[in-house]
């Protein structure tokens, strides 16, 4: 699917991606839910997240935390408090370290709680996007705090693109589980 370029496409892609993610998670077998993620045999999966996330809860809480980053960033900047998207002490160069810290934060979170947190944050992000126009979301320079990127691009990254990332990981885990049955 093409990357959204307007508000309606963003809302539709986010709803579709979130729905697919929920549907896939609900279809996971007991074995898939219990088996830890292990992509070490796949040399094409070198990015840190392939070894960081160990289960469905880790993926869902990662999505939740990135929703919170978006919600907090937009809220602060709209209120006049200049704040970067990636909170201090992290930067875009060190956001991998931030992701590990977010992962650690949720090691005691249950899968049920992760599902609830993600549902709530998804709904909050969708409610927030409703308050913006196409121009607000997809015109470069509309807000000085978005830099050279559109606000909509941040929403796409935290929703539909991130949901695609999560589904890719869950599908790879399912393939691994089926190989080892």
Foldseek 3Di string as FASTA:
>chain_A
DDQDQFLVVLLVLQVVLVVVLVVLVVPDDPLLQPFFQDPPVPPVPPDPVSVQGTGPLLLLLLLLVLLVLLVVQVVCVVVPNQAASDHPPDDPVRVVVVSNVSSVVCPVPDSVNSVVSSVVSSVVLNVVSVVDGRCQARPAPNGVSVPRHGNVVSSSVSGNVSSVVSVVSSVVSVVVSVVVD
